[in-house]
Amino acid sequence: MRRIVPAAAAIVAALTLSSCASADPTTAQDPRVDEQWGLDAVSSRESWEYATGDGVVIAIVDTGVDDGHRDLRRQMVRGIDLVDDDRNPKDENGHGTHVAGIAAAAANDYGIIGAAPDAKIMPIRALDENGAGSNSTIAEGIDWAVDHGADVINLSLDETGLLGRIEKGGPVNDAITRADEAGVVVVAASGNAGEVGQQYRFGVHVLVVNASNKAGTATYFSNVGDARAVAAPGVDILSTVPTYATTMFPDGTDGYETMAGTSMASPLVAGVAAQLISAGVPSEEVIDLITDTASNPDGLAGLGNGIVDAKAALVEAVARGLITAE
């Protein structure tokens, strides 16, 4: 058992947290990682020495995932296709694979690296090739993820009207509540309508994520104003996509594309949540820890509680006695 360090020494102690990773992304030579500015904006690269998501399962409730992608195939655990009633949740759109790579692409000397490069990806296909899905199917996907061992669930569902579902209650709202009660951390995009106001109904314990830009302010398209929101990079985000033809990429790709949206900001935060859980932070503490350590020194309303900081969250976890250090 690691010893708990007094709060006065927390900042120093946090830098000696034992790594729980099975690989070392700090020495990986993935050639495109320097294009991933979002990793540095949330200090994931600085914190990989201490936590990489090892042993944590992130469910991607989306359009499916390309499980043959070189950066993703070793990360995959069993998923499900709830659209075509199939056990192979193939991504026929492209969106879900992009989201998955942001969260947990492998450190493998190839392509890119996800925020939690040792986490596992659980692909839940709840949206069809056009990115559309019903309330009941999305809720079923959340419940399936909880029942099959997910630790974190990412919902990048703005294009399917997630905001309306949350505000009005219904099956998606109920499924998120059940996930929270089961100890699963739910992270969701705030949406891309450029609206100001409370985006999610009070009483739903979900971590709302706005999109920030390279200047450290909210993007023009991000919904803002939710009192519980944090922010993360959501423009010029390089990640994985299928090489085969999909709805978004009808001519196929080289396996990587740059996209923008709160859909891209949310999985970056889901990866940080996985980092914290792998370091030993109790799941019920993760949302508050991420929110409390987010950085917004100028009090910019569009950033909510601020831009997420993985390293600061780890330091604070030690200070609060949530995890121990050598």
C-alpha atoms as a PDB file:
ATOM      1  CA  MET A   1       0.000   0.000   0.000  1.00  0.00           C
ATOM      2  CA  ARG A   2       1.380   3.391  -0.945  1.00  0.00           C
ATOM      3  CA  ARG A   3       1.583   5.819   1.914  1.00  0.00           C
ATOM      4  CA  ILE A   4      -0.592   8.933   1.982  1.00  0.00           C
ATOM      5  CA  VAL A   5       1.423  12.118   1.886  1.00  0.00           C
ATOM      6  CA  PRO A   6       0.338  15.145   3.954  1.00  0.00           C
ATOM      7  CA  ALA A   7      -1.401  17.874   1.984  1.00  0.00           C
ATOM      8  CA  ALA A   8       1.494  20.290   2.503  1.00  0.00           C
ATOM      9  CA  ALA A   9       3.707  18.017   0.415  1.00  0.00           C
ATOM     10  CA  ALA A  10       1.065  17.158  -2.142  1.00  0.00           C
ATOM     11  CA  ILE A  11       2.476  19.051  -5.104  1.00  0.00           C
ATOM     12  CA  VAL A  12       5.882  17.430  -4.770  1.00  0.00           C
ATOM     13  CA  ALA A  13       4.426  14.028  -3.961  1.00  0.00           C
ATOM     14  CA  ALA A  14       2.133  13.998  -6.951  1.00  0.00           C
ATOM     15  CA  LEU A  15       5.185  14.006  -9.156  1.00  0.00           C
ATOM     16  CA  THR A  16       6.254  10.653  -7.727  1.00  0.00           C
ATOM     17  CA  LEU A  17       2.996   8.784  -8.273  1.00  0.00           C
ATOM     18  CA  SER A  18       3.751   5.249  -9.375  1.00  0.00           C
ATOM     19  CA  SER A  19       2.767   4.695 -12.972  1.00  0.00           C
ATOM     20  CA  CYS A  20       0.069   2.088 -13.512  1.00  0.00           C
ATOM     21  CA  ALA A  21       0.618   1.973 -17.270  1.00  0.00           C
ATOM     22  CA  SER A  22       1.564  -1.169 -19.185  1.00  0.00           C
ATOM     23  CA  ALA A  23       3.330   0.943 -21.822  1.00  0.00           C
ATOM     24  CA  ASP A  24       5.259   4.193 -21.753  1.00  0.00           C
ATOM     25  CA  PRO A  25       3.723   6.838 -24.017  1.00  0.00           C
ATOM     26  CA  THR A  26       6.349   9.342 -22.853  1.00  0.00           C
ATOM     27  CA  THR A  27       8.941   7.525 -24.982  1.00  0.00           C
ATOM     28  CA  ALA A  28       6.673   6.515 -27.872  1.00  0.00           C
ATOM     29  CA  GLN A  29       7.528   7.839 -31.309  1.00  0.00           C
ATOM     30  CA  ASP A  30       4.050   8.265 -32.753  1.00  0.00           C
ATOM     31  CA  PRO A  31       4.882  10.603 -35.642  1.00  0.00           C
ATOM     32  CA  ARG A  32       1.831  12.892 -35.538  1.00  0.00           C
ATOM     33  CA  VAL A  33       1.569  13.497 -31.805  1.00  0.00           C
ATOM     34  CA  ASP A  34       3.084  16.975 -32.103  1.00  0.00           C
ATOM     35  CA  GLU A  35       0.059  17.956 -34.213  1.00  0.00           C
ATOM     36  CA  GLN A  36      -2.211  17.143 -31.259  1.00  0.00           C
ATOM     37  CA  TRP A  37      -2.190  20.503 -29.565  1.00  0.00           C
ATOM     38  CA  GLY A  38      -5.142  19.547 -27.390  1.00  0.00           C
ATOM     39  CA  LEU A  39      -3.090  17.040 -25.397  1.00  0.00           C
ATOM     40  CA  ASP A  40      -0.795  19.799 -24.184  1.00  0.00           C
ATOM     41  CA  ALA A  41      -3.683  22.192 -23.566  1.00  0.00           C
ATOM     42  CA  VAL A  42      -5.095  19.784 -20.957  1.00  0.00           C
ATOM     43  CA  SER A  43      -1.618  18.641 -19.774  1.00  0.00           C
ATOM     44  CA  SER A  44      -2.216  14.990 -20.612  1.00  0.00           C
ATOM     45  CA  ARG A  45       1.279  14.536 -22.010  1.00  0.00           C
ATOM     46  CA  GLU A  46       2.768  15.925 -18.800  1.00  0.00           C
ATOM     47  CA  SER A  47       0.713  13.520 -16.721  1.00  0.00           C
ATOM     48  CA  TRP A  48       1.327  10.299 -18.694  1.00  0.00           C
ATOM     49  CA  GLU A  49       4.275   9.477 -16.456  1.00  0.00           C
ATOM     50  CA  TYR A  50       1.805   9.088 -13.614  1.00  0.00           C
ATOM     51  CA  ALA A  51      -1.476   7.895 -15.168  1.00  0.00           C
ATOM     52  CA  THR A  52      -2.407   6.620 -18.627  1.00  0.00           C
ATOM     53  CA  GLY A  53      -5.816   5.026 -18.216  1.00  0.00           C
ATOM     54  CA  ASP A  54      -4.500   1.497 -17.712  1.00  0.00           C
ATOM     55  CA  GLY A  55      -7.310  -0.897 -16.820  1.00  0.00           C
ATOM     56  CA  VAL A  56     -10.077   1.628 -17.523  1.00  0.00           C
ATOM     57  CA  VAL A  57     -12.799   1.075 -20.142  1.00  0.00           C
ATOM     58  CA  ILE A  58     -14.183   4.063 -22.048  1.00  0.00           C
ATOM     59  CA  ALA A  59     -17.478   3.417 -23.817  1.00  0.00           C
ATOM     60  CA  ILE A  60     -17.956   5.422 -27.002  1.00  0.00           C
ATOM     61  CA  VAL A  61     -21.728   5.664 -27.588  1.00  0.00           C
ATOM     62  CA  ASP A  62     -21.653   6.909 -31.139  1.00  0.00           C
ATOM     63  CA  THR A  63     -21.622   5.712 -34.764  1.00  0.00           C
ATOM     64  CA  GLY A  64     -19.382   2.730 -34.039  1.00  0.00           C
ATOM     65  CA  VAL A  65     -15.598   2.380 -34.254  1.00  0.00           C
ATOM     66  CA  ASP A  66     -13.241   1.002 -36.890  1.00  0.00           C
ATOM     67  CA  ASP A  67     -11.812  -1.865 -34.843  1.00  0.00           C
ATOM     68  CA  GLY A  68      -9.212  -2.634 -37.494  1.00  0.00           C
ATOM     69  CA  HIS A  69      -7.532   0.764 -37.299  1.00  0.00           C
ATOM     70  CA  ARG A  70      -3.870   0.382 -36.419  1.00  0.00           C
ATOM     71  CA  ASP A  71      -4.099   2.930 -33.583  1.00  0.00           C
ATOM     72  CA  LEU A  72      -7.242   1.364 -32.108  1.00  0.00           C
ATOM     73  CA  ARG A  73      -7.345  -2.380 -32.727  1.00  0.00           C
ATOM     74  CA  ARG A  74      -5.378  -3.362 -29.616  1.00  0.00           C
ATOM     75  CA  GLN A  75      -7.501  -1.031 -27.486  1.00  0.00           C
ATOM     76  CA  MET A  76     -10.815  -2.660 -28.286  1.00  0.00           C
ATOM     77  CA  VAL A  77     -13.053  -4.618 -25.946  1.00  0.00           C
ATOM     78  CA  ARG A  78     -16.392  -6.157 -26.807  1.00  0.00           C
ATOM     79  CA  GLY A  79     -19.012  -3.728 -28.031  1.00  0.00           C
ATOM     80  CA  ILE A  80     -22.363  -3.926 -29.752  1.00  0.00           C
ATOM     81  CA  ASP A  81     -24.257  -2.612 -32.773  1.00  0.00           C
ATOM     82  CA  LEU A  82     -27.709  -1.566 -31.595  1.00  0.00           C
ATOM     83  CA  VAL A  83     -28.649  -0.087 -34.972  1.00  0.00           C
ATOM     84  CA  ASP A  84     -28.415  -3.259 -37.052  1.00  0.00           C
ATOM     85  CA  ASP A  85     -28.723  -5.730 -34.154  1.00  0.00           C
ATOM     86  CA  ASP A  86     -25.172  -6.956 -34.704  1.00  0.00           C
ATOM     87  CA  ARG A  87     -22.226  -7.690 -32.417  1.00  0.00           C
ATOM     88  CA  ASN A  88     -19.853  -5.883 -34.816  1.00  0.00           C
ATOM     89  CA  PRO A  89     -20.261  -2.111 -34.287  1.00  0.00           C
ATOM     90  CA  LYS A  90     -18.564  -1.064 -37.530  1.00  0.00           C
ATOM     91  CA  ASP A  91     -18.364   2.688 -38.050  1.00  0.00           C
ATOM     92  CA  GLU A  92     -20.126   3.522 -41.301  1.00  0.00           C
ATOM     93  CA  ASN A  93     -20.099   7.281 -40.618  1.00  0.00           C
ATOM     94  CA  GLY A  94     -16.578   8.180 -39.398  1.00  0.00           C
ATOM     95  CA  HIS A  95     -17.505  10.261 -36.359  1.00  0.00           C
ATOM     96  CA  GLY A  96     -17.241   7.524 -33.741  1.00  0.00           C
ATOM     97  CA  THR A  97     -13.761   6.446 -34.822  1.00  0.00           C
ATOM     98  CA  HIS A  98     -12.543  10.039 -34.578  1.00  0.00           C
ATOM     99  CA  VAL A  99     -13.998  10.353 -31.082  1.00  0.00           C
ATOM    100  CA  ALA A 100     -12.441   7.035 -29.988  1.00  0.00           C
ATOM    101  CA  GLY A 101      -8.940   8.031 -31.083  1.00  0.00           C
ATOM    102  CA  ILE A 102      -9.060  11.299 -29.153  1.00  0.00           C
ATOM    103  CA  ALA A 103      -9.896   9.386 -26.001  1.00  0.00           C
ATOM    104  CA  ALA A 104      -7.631   6.361 -26.230  1.00  0.00           C
ATOM    105  CA  ALA A 105      -5.538   5.852 -29.374  1.00  0.00           C
ATOM    106  CA  ALA A 106      -2.549   3.651 -28.545  1.00  0.00           C
ATOM    107  CA  ALA A 107       1.025   4.766 -27.991  1.00  0.00           C
ATOM    108  CA  ASN A 108       2.533   2.487 -30.604  1.00  0.00           C
ATOM    109  CA  ASP A 109       5.073   4.468 -32.659  1.00  0.00           C
ATOM    110  CA  TYR A 110       2.390   4.976 -35.302  1.00  0.00           C
ATOM    111  CA  GLY A 111      -0.055   7.788 -36.017  1.00  0.00           C
ATOM    112  CA  ILE A 112      -1.380   9.611 -32.951  1.00  0.00           C
ATOM    113  CA  ILE A 113      -1.854   9.068 -29.189  1.00  0.00           C
ATOM    114  CA  GLY A 114      -5.082   9.390 -27.201  1.00  0.00           C
ATOM    115  CA  ALA A 115      -5.455  11.217 -23.901  1.00  0.00           C
ATOM    116  CA  ALA A 116      -5.585   7.870 -22.081  1.00  0.00           C
ATOM    117  CA  PRO A 117      -3.384   5.669 -24.287  1.00  0.00           C
ATOM    118  CA  ASP A 118      -3.614   2.576 -22.074  1.00  0.00           C
ATOM    119  CA  ALA A 119      -7.395   2.691 -21.657  1.00  0.00           C
ATOM    120  CA  LYS A 120      -9.675   0.311 -23.524  1.00  0.00           C
ATOM    121  CA  ILE A 121     -12.383   1.340 -25.986  1.00  0.00           C
ATOM    122  CA  MET A 122     -15.883  -0.137 -25.841  1.00  0.00           C
ATOM    123  CA  PRO A 123     -17.652   0.674 -29.125  1.00  0.00           C
ATOM    124  CA  ILE A 124     -21.423   1.143 -28.797  1.00  0.00           C
ATOM    125  CA  ARG A 125     -23.088   1.802 -32.144  1.00  0.00           C
ATOM    126  CA  ALA A 126     -26.256   3.698 -31.301  1.00  0.00           C
ATOM    127  CA  LEU A 127     -26.201   6.057 -34.298  1.00  0.00           C
ATOM    128  CA  ASP A 128     -26.517   5.045 -37.952  1.00  0.00           C
ATOM    129  CA  GLU A 129     -24.403   5.938 -40.956  1.00  0.00           C
ATOM    130  CA  ASN A 130     -25.960   9.405 -40.999  1.00  0.00           C
ATOM    131  CA  GLY A 131     -25.300  10.053 -37.313  1.00  0.00           C
ATOM    132  CA  ALA A 132     -28.963   9.688 -36.366  1.00  0.00           C
ATOM    133  CA  GLY A 133     -30.363   7.602 -33.524  1.00  0.00           C
ATOM    134  CA  SER A 134     -33.469   7.246 -31.401  1.00  0.00           C
ATOM    135  CA  ASN A 135     -33.837   8.125 -27.742  1.00  0.00           C
ATOM    136  CA  SER A 136     -34.411   4.500 -26.826  1.00  0.00           C
ATOM    137  CA  THR A 137     -31.401   3.208 -28.753  1.00  0.00           C
ATOM    138  CA  ILE A 138     -29.037   5.740 -27.207  1.00  0.00           C
ATOM    139  CA  ALA A 139     -30.370   4.931 -23.740  1.00  0.00           C
ATOM    140  CA  GLU A 140     -29.984   1.226 -24.463  1.00  0.00           C
ATOM    141  CA  GLY A 141     -26.373   1.876 -25.435  1.00  0.00           C
ATOM    142  CA  ILE A 142     -25.668   3.661 -22.154  1.00  0.00           C
ATOM    143  CA  ASP A 143     -27.256   0.835 -20.172  1.00  0.00           C
ATOM    144  CA  TRP A 144     -25.350  -1.794 -22.168  1.00  0.00           C
ATOM    145  CA  ALA A 145     -22.063  -0.031 -21.461  1.00  0.00           C
ATOM    146  CA  VAL A 146     -22.796   0.046 -17.734  1.00  0.00           C
ATOM    147  CA  ASP A 147     -23.821  -3.622 -17.695  1.00  0.00           C
ATOM    148  CA  HIS A 148     -20.669  -4.699 -19.542  1.00  0.00           C
ATOM    149  CA  GLY A 149     -18.011  -2.977 -17.478  1.00  0.00           C
ATOM    150  CA  ALA A 150     -17.550   0.563 -18.755  1.00  0.00           C
ATOM    151  CA  ASP A 151     -15.885   2.960 -16.312  1.00  0.00           C
ATOM    152  CA  VAL A 152     -16.387   6.107 -18.404  1.00  0.00           C
ATOM    153  CA  ILE A 153     -19.034   6.825 -21.045  1.00  0.00           C
ATOM    154  CA  ASN A 154     -18.539   9.474 -23.709  1.00  0.00           C
ATOM    155  CA  LEU A 155     -21.560  11.064 -25.392  1.00  0.00           C
ATOM    156  CA  SER A 156     -20.634  13.198 -28.403  1.00  0.00           C
ATOM    157  CA  LEU A 157     -24.211  13.322 -29.607  1.00  0.00           C
ATOM    158  CA  ASP A 158     -25.006  16.939 -30.436  1.00  0.00           C
ATOM    159  CA  GLU A 159     -26.127  16.251 -33.987  1.00  0.00           C
ATOM    160  CA  THR A 160     -28.795  13.859 -32.719  1.00  0.00           C
ATOM    161  CA  GLY A 161     -30.417  16.345 -30.363  1.00  0.00           C
ATOM    162  CA  LEU A 162     -28.942  15.200 -27.054  1.00  0.00           C
ATOM    163  CA  LEU A 163     -29.573  18.581 -25.462  1.00  0.00           C
ATOM    164  CA  GLY A 164     -33.297  18.344 -26.017  1.00  0.00           C
ATOM    165  CA  ARG A 165     -33.373  14.848 -24.572  1.00  0.00           C
ATOM    166  CA  ILE A 166     -31.553  15.918 -21.427  1.00  0.00           C
ATOM    167  CA  GLU A 167     -33.734  18.981 -20.909  1.00  0.00           C
ATOM    168  CA  LYS A 168     -36.958  17.048 -21.433  1.00  0.00           C
ATOM    169  CA  GLY A 169     -35.980  13.961 -19.475  1.00  0.00           C
ATOM    170  CA  GLY A 170     -36.990  10.668 -21.035  1.00  0.00           C
ATOM    171  CA  PRO A 171     -34.965   7.511 -21.616  1.00  0.00           C
ATOM    172  CA  VAL A 172     -31.571   9.117 -22.232  1.00  0.00           C
ATOM    173  CA  ASN A 173     -31.834  11.211 -19.078  1.00  0.00           C
ATOM    174  CA  ASP A 174     -32.833   8.138 -17.086  1.00  0.00           C
ATOM    175  CA  ALA A 175     -29.981   6.070 -18.523  1.00  0.00           C
ATOM    176  CA  ILE A 176     -27.404   8.717 -17.575  1.00  0.00           C
ATOM    177  CA  THR A 177     -28.787   8.753 -14.050  1.00  0.00           C
ATOM    178  CA  ARG A 178     -28.556   4.960 -13.847  1.00  0.00           C
ATOM    179  CA  ALA A 179     -24.966   5.098 -15.056  1.00  0.00           C
ATOM    180  CA  ASP A 180     -24.067   7.636 -12.397  1.00  0.00           C
ATOM    181  CA  GLU A 181     -25.723   5.546  -9.719  1.00  0.00           C
ATOM    182  CA  ALA A 182     -23.665   2.565 -10.900  1.00  0.00           C
ATOM    183  CA  GLY A 183     -20.446   4.535 -10.448  1.00  0.00           C
ATOM    184  CA  VAL A 184     -19.795   5.219 -14.128  1.00  0.00           C
ATOM    185  CA  VAL A 185     -18.513   8.682 -15.108  1.00  0.00           C
ATOM    186  CA  VAL A 186     -20.544  10.223 -17.953  1.00  0.00           C
ATOM    187  CA  VAL A 187     -18.954  12.939 -20.104  1.00  0.00           C
ATOM    188  CA  ALA A 188     -20.998  14.749 -22.767  1.00  0.00           C
ATOM    189  CA  ALA A 189     -20.474  17.415 -25.399  1.00  0.00           C
ATOM    190  CA  SER A 190     -22.319  20.682 -24.761  1.00  0.00           C
ATOM    191  CA  GLY A 191     -23.413  21.044 -28.386  1.00  0.00           C
ATOM    192  CA  ASN A 192     -22.519  23.172 -31.409  1.00  0.00           C
ATOM    193  CA  ALA A 193     -25.433  25.610 -31.758  1.00  0.00           C
ATOM    194  CA  GLY A 194     -23.611  28.611 -30.250  1.00  0.00           C
ATOM    195  CA  GLU A 195     -26.333  28.962 -27.622  1.00  0.00           C
ATOM    196  CA  VAL A 196     -25.998  30.554 -24.200  1.00  0.00           C
ATOM    197  CA  GLY A 197     -27.796  29.108 -21.220  1.00  0.00           C
ATOM    198  CA  GLN A 198     -28.300  26.026 -19.099  1.00  0.00           C
ATOM    199  CA  GLN A 199     -27.717  23.180 -21.514  1.00  0.00           C
ATOM    200  CA  TYR A 200     -28.492  20.233 -19.265  1.00  0.00           C
ATOM    201  CA  ARG A 201     -31.310  19.740 -16.787  1.00  0.00           C
ATOM    202  CA  PHE A 202     -30.320  20.023 -13.136  1.00  0.00           C
ATOM    203  CA  GLY A 203     -30.209  16.702 -11.328  1.00  0.00           C
ATOM    204  CA  VAL A 204     -28.364  14.882 -14.119  1.00  0.00           C
ATOM    205  CA  HIS A 205     -24.806  14.159 -12.941  1.00  0.00           C
ATOM    206  CA  VAL A 206     -23.000  14.542 -16.245  1.00  0.00           C
ATOM    207  CA  LEU A 207     -19.769  16.402 -17.004  1.00  0.00           C
ATOM    208  CA  VAL A 208     -20.604  18.945 -19.704  1.00  0.00           C
ATOM    209  CA  VAL A 209     -17.770  19.913 -22.068  1.00  0.00           C
ATOM    210  CA  ASN A 210     -17.563  23.140 -24.072  1.00  0.00           C
ATOM    211  CA  ALA A 211     -15.080  23.566 -26.917  1.00  0.00           C
ATOM    212  CA  SER A 212     -12.094  25.895 -26.603  1.00  0.00           C
ATOM    213  CA  ASN A 213      -9.673  27.148 -29.252  1.00  0.00           C
ATOM    214  CA  LYS A 214      -5.921  27.715 -29.446  1.00  0.00           C
ATOM    215  CA  ALA A 215      -6.323  31.187 -27.936  1.00  0.00           C
ATOM    216  CA  GLY A 216      -7.814  29.647 -24.810  1.00  0.00           C
ATOM    217  CA  THR A 217     -11.307  31.039 -25.324  1.00  0.00           C
ATOM    218  CA  ALA A 218     -14.598  29.378 -26.235  1.00  0.00           C
ATOM    219  CA  THR A 219     -15.175  28.609 -29.896  1.00  0.00           C
ATOM    220  CA  TYR A 220     -17.889  30.500 -31.738  1.00  0.00           C
ATOM    221  CA  PHE A 221     -19.942  27.339 -32.203  1.00  0.00           C
ATOM    222  CA  SER A 222     -19.805  25.919 -28.681  1.00  0.00           C
ATOM    223  CA  ASN A 223     -22.869  26.036 -26.495  1.00  0.00           C
ATOM    224  CA  VAL A 224     -21.899  27.779 -23.265  1.00  0.00           C
ATOM    225  CA  GLY A 225     -23.413  28.825 -19.971  1.00  0.00           C
ATOM    226  CA  ASP A 226     -23.982  25.511 -18.218  1.00  0.00           C
ATOM    227  CA  ALA A 227     -22.947  26.006 -14.593  1.00  0.00           C
ATOM    228  CA  ARG A 228     -21.315  22.571 -14.463  1.00  0.00           C
ATOM    229  CA  ALA A 229     -19.354  22.857 -17.699  1.00  0.00           C
ATOM    230  CA  VAL A 230     -15.629  22.610 -18.275  1.00  0.00           C
ATOM    231  CA  ALA A 231     -13.827  23.244 -21.542  1.00  0.00           C
ATOM    232  CA  ALA A 232     -11.345  21.397 -23.753  1.00  0.00           C
ATOM    233  CA  PRO A 233      -9.886  21.886 -27.225  1.00  0.00           C
ATOM    234  CA  GLY A 234     -12.408  21.444 -30.009  1.00  0.00           C
ATOM    235  CA  VAL A 235     -10.850  22.914 -33.174  1.00  0.00           C
ATOM    236  CA  ASP A 236      -8.158  21.486 -35.474  1.00  0.00           C
ATOM    237  CA  ILE A 237      -8.326  18.170 -33.644  1.00  0.00           C
ATOM    238  CA  LEU A 238      -6.409  15.415 -35.408  1.00  0.00           C
ATOM    239  CA  SER A 239      -7.621  11.888 -34.760  1.00  0.00           C
ATOM    240  CA  THR A 240      -8.334   8.498 -36.239  1.00  0.00           C
ATOM    241  CA  VAL A 241     -10.938   7.809 -38.930  1.00  0.00           C
ATOM    242  CA  PRO A 242     -11.704   4.709 -41.011  1.00  0.00           C
ATOM    243  CA  THR A 243      -9.606   4.158 -44.116  1.00  0.00           C
ATOM    244  CA  TYR A 244     -12.580   2.616 -45.905  1.00  0.00           C
ATOM    245  CA  ALA A 245     -15.376   4.708 -47.416  1.00  0.00           C
ATOM    246  CA  THR A 246     -17.912   6.143 -44.946  1.00  0.00           C
ATOM    247  CA  THR A 247     -20.673   8.731 -45.062  1.00  0.00           C
ATOM    248  CA  MET A 248     -18.336  11.490 -43.857  1.00  0.00           C
ATOM    249  CA  PHE A 249     -15.415  10.330 -45.994  1.00  0.00           C
ATOM    250  CA  PRO A 250     -16.860   8.729 -49.153  1.00  0.00           C
ATOM    251  CA  ASP A 251     -13.468   8.467 -50.835  1.00  0.00           C
ATOM    252  CA  GLY A 252     -11.782   6.865 -47.840  1.00  0.00           C
ATOM    253  CA  THR A 253      -8.794   8.329 -45.982  1.00  0.00           C
ATOM    254  CA  ASP A 254      -5.253   7.596 -44.860  1.00  0.00           C
ATOM    255  CA  GLY A 255      -6.679   6.860 -41.422  1.00  0.00           C
ATOM    256  CA  TYR A 256      -6.473  10.385 -39.970  1.00  0.00           C
ATOM    257  CA  GLU A 257      -8.451  13.601 -40.325  1.00  0.00           C
ATOM    258  CA  THR A 258      -8.767  16.926 -38.528  1.00  0.00           C
ATOM    259  CA  MET A 259     -12.224  17.839 -37.249  1.00  0.00           C
ATOM    260  CA  ALA A 260     -13.870  20.426 -35.010  1.00  0.00           C
ATOM    261  CA  GLY A 261     -16.753  20.425 -32.543  1.00  0.00           C
ATOM    262  CA  THR A 262     -17.692  19.867 -28.950  1.00  0.00           C
ATOM    263  CA  SER A 263     -17.790  16.229 -30.067  1.00  0.00           C
ATOM    264  CA  MET A 264     -13.992  16.412 -30.163  1.00  0.00           C
ATOM    265  CA  ALA A 265     -13.653  18.224 -26.833  1.00  0.00           C
ATOM    266  CA  SER A 266     -15.717  15.687 -24.897  1.00  0.00           C
ATOM    267  CA  PRO A 267     -13.575  12.554 -25.513  1.00  0.00           C
ATOM    268  CA  LEU A 268     -10.437  14.451 -24.545  1.00  0.00           C
ATOM    269  CA  VAL A 269     -12.036  15.002 -21.134  1.00  0.00           C
ATOM    270  CA  ALA A 270     -13.274  11.407 -21.059  1.00  0.00           C
ATOM    271  CA  GLY A 271      -9.634  10.396 -21.495  1.00  0.00           C
ATOM    272  CA  VAL A 272      -8.599  12.601 -18.573  1.00  0.00           C
ATOM    273  CA  ALA A 273     -11.328  10.969 -16.478  1.00  0.00           C
ATOM    274  CA  ALA A 274      -9.856   7.591 -17.391  1.00  0.00           C
ATOM    275  CA  GLN A 275      -6.395   8.804 -16.360  1.00  0.00           C
ATOM    276  CA  LEU A 276      -7.705   9.783 -12.932  1.00  0.00           C
ATOM    277  CA  ILE A 277      -9.550   6.514 -12.402  1.00  0.00           C
ATOM    278  CA  SER A 278      -6.450   4.533 -13.370  1.00  0.00           C
ATOM    279  CA  ALA A 279      -4.475   6.493 -10.766  1.00  0.00           C
ATOM    280  CA  GLY A 280      -6.951   5.339  -8.125  1.00  0.00           C
ATOM    281  CA  VAL A 281      -9.342   8.297  -7.875  1.00  0.00           C
ATOM    282  CA  PRO A 282     -12.790   6.976  -6.857  1.00  0.00           C
ATOM    283  CA  SER A 283     -15.251   7.358  -9.706  1.00  0.00           C
ATOM    284  CA  GLU A 284     -17.647   9.430  -7.601  1.00  0.00           C
ATOM    285  CA  GLU A 285     -14.915  12.038  -7.108  1.00  0.00           C
ATOM    286  CA  VAL A 286     -13.816  12.365 -10.742  1.00  0.00           C
ATOM    287  CA  ILE A 287     -16.280  14.992 -12.000  1.00  0.00           C
ATOM    288  CA  ASP A 288     -15.774  17.295  -9.024  1.00  0.00           C
ATOM    289  CA  LEU A 289     -12.004  16.892  -9.247  1.00  0.00           C
ATOM    290  CA  ILE A 290     -11.902  17.756 -12.943  1.00  0.00           C
ATOM    291  CA  THR A 291     -14.229  20.712 -12.426  1.00  0.00           C
ATOM    292  CA  ASP A 292     -12.417  22.078  -9.375  1.00  0.00           C
ATOM    293  CA  THR A 293      -8.978  21.997 -11.040  1.00  0.00           C
ATOM    294  CA  ALA A 294      -9.993  23.392 -14.428  1.00  0.00           C
ATOM    295  CA  SER A 295      -8.267  26.664 -15.281  1.00  0.00           C
ATOM    296  CA  ASN A 296     -10.135  29.876 -16.037  1.00  0.00           C
ATOM    297  CA  PRO A 297      -8.002  32.687 -14.583  1.00  0.00           C
ATOM    298  CA  ASP A 298      -9.805  35.420 -16.503  1.00  0.00           C
ATOM    299  CA  GLY A 299     -13.260  34.131 -15.600  1.00  0.00           C
ATOM    300  CA  LEU A 300     -14.342  33.767 -19.208  1.00  0.00           C
ATOM    301  CA  ALA A 301     -17.973  32.702 -19.243  1.00  0.00           C
ATOM    302  CA  GLY A 302     -17.585  30.525 -22.315  1.00  0.00           C
ATOM    303  CA  LEU A 303     -15.106  28.267 -20.567  1.00  0.00           C
ATOM    304  CA  GLY A 304     -17.414  27.458 -17.692  1.00  0.00           C
ATOM    305  CA  ASN A 305     -15.275  26.291 -14.800  1.00  0.00           C
ATOM    306  CA  GLY A 306     -12.250  26.389 -17.066  1.00  0.00           C
ATOM    307  CA  ILE A 307     -10.027  24.350 -19.368  1.00  0.00           C
ATOM    308  CA  VAL A 308      -9.361  20.886 -17.992  1.00  0.00           C
ATOM    309  CA  ASP A 309      -5.905  20.223 -16.512  1.00  0.00           C
ATOM    310  CA  ALA A 310      -5.028  16.544 -16.011  1.00  0.00           C
ATOM    311  CA  LYS A 311      -1.835  17.177 -14.079  1.00  0.00           C
ATOM    312  CA  ALA A 312      -3.493  19.669 -11.724  1.00  0.00           C
ATOM    313  CA  ALA A 313      -6.259  17.142 -11.084  1.00  0.00           C
ATOM    314  CA  LEU A 314      -3.697  14.485 -10.112  1.00  0.00           C
ATOM    315  CA  VAL A 315      -1.930  16.907  -7.773  1.00  0.00           C
ATOM    316  CA  GLU A 316      -5.226  17.843  -6.158  1.00  0.00           C
ATOM    317  CA  ALA A 317      -6.195  14.183  -5.817  1.00  0.00           C
ATOM    318  CA  VAL A 318      -3.112  13.649  -3.655  1.00  0.00           C
ATOM    319  CA  ALA A 319      -3.833  16.786  -1.645  1.00  0.00           C
ATOM    320  CA  ARG A 320      -7.349  15.534  -0.894  1.00  0.00           C
ATOM    321  CA  GLY A 321      -6.100  12.095   0.076  1.00  0.00           C
ATOM    322  CA  LEU A 322      -8.017  10.467  -2.774  1.00  0.00           C
ATOM    323  CA  ILE A 323      -4.891   8.723  -4.013  1.00  0.00           C
ATOM    324  CA  THR A 324      -1.587   7.936  -2.400  1.00  0.00           C
ATOM    325  CA  ALA A 325       1.952   8.639  -3.474  1.00  0.00           C
ATOM    326  CA  GLU A 326       5.349   7.190  -2.735  1.00  0.00           C
END
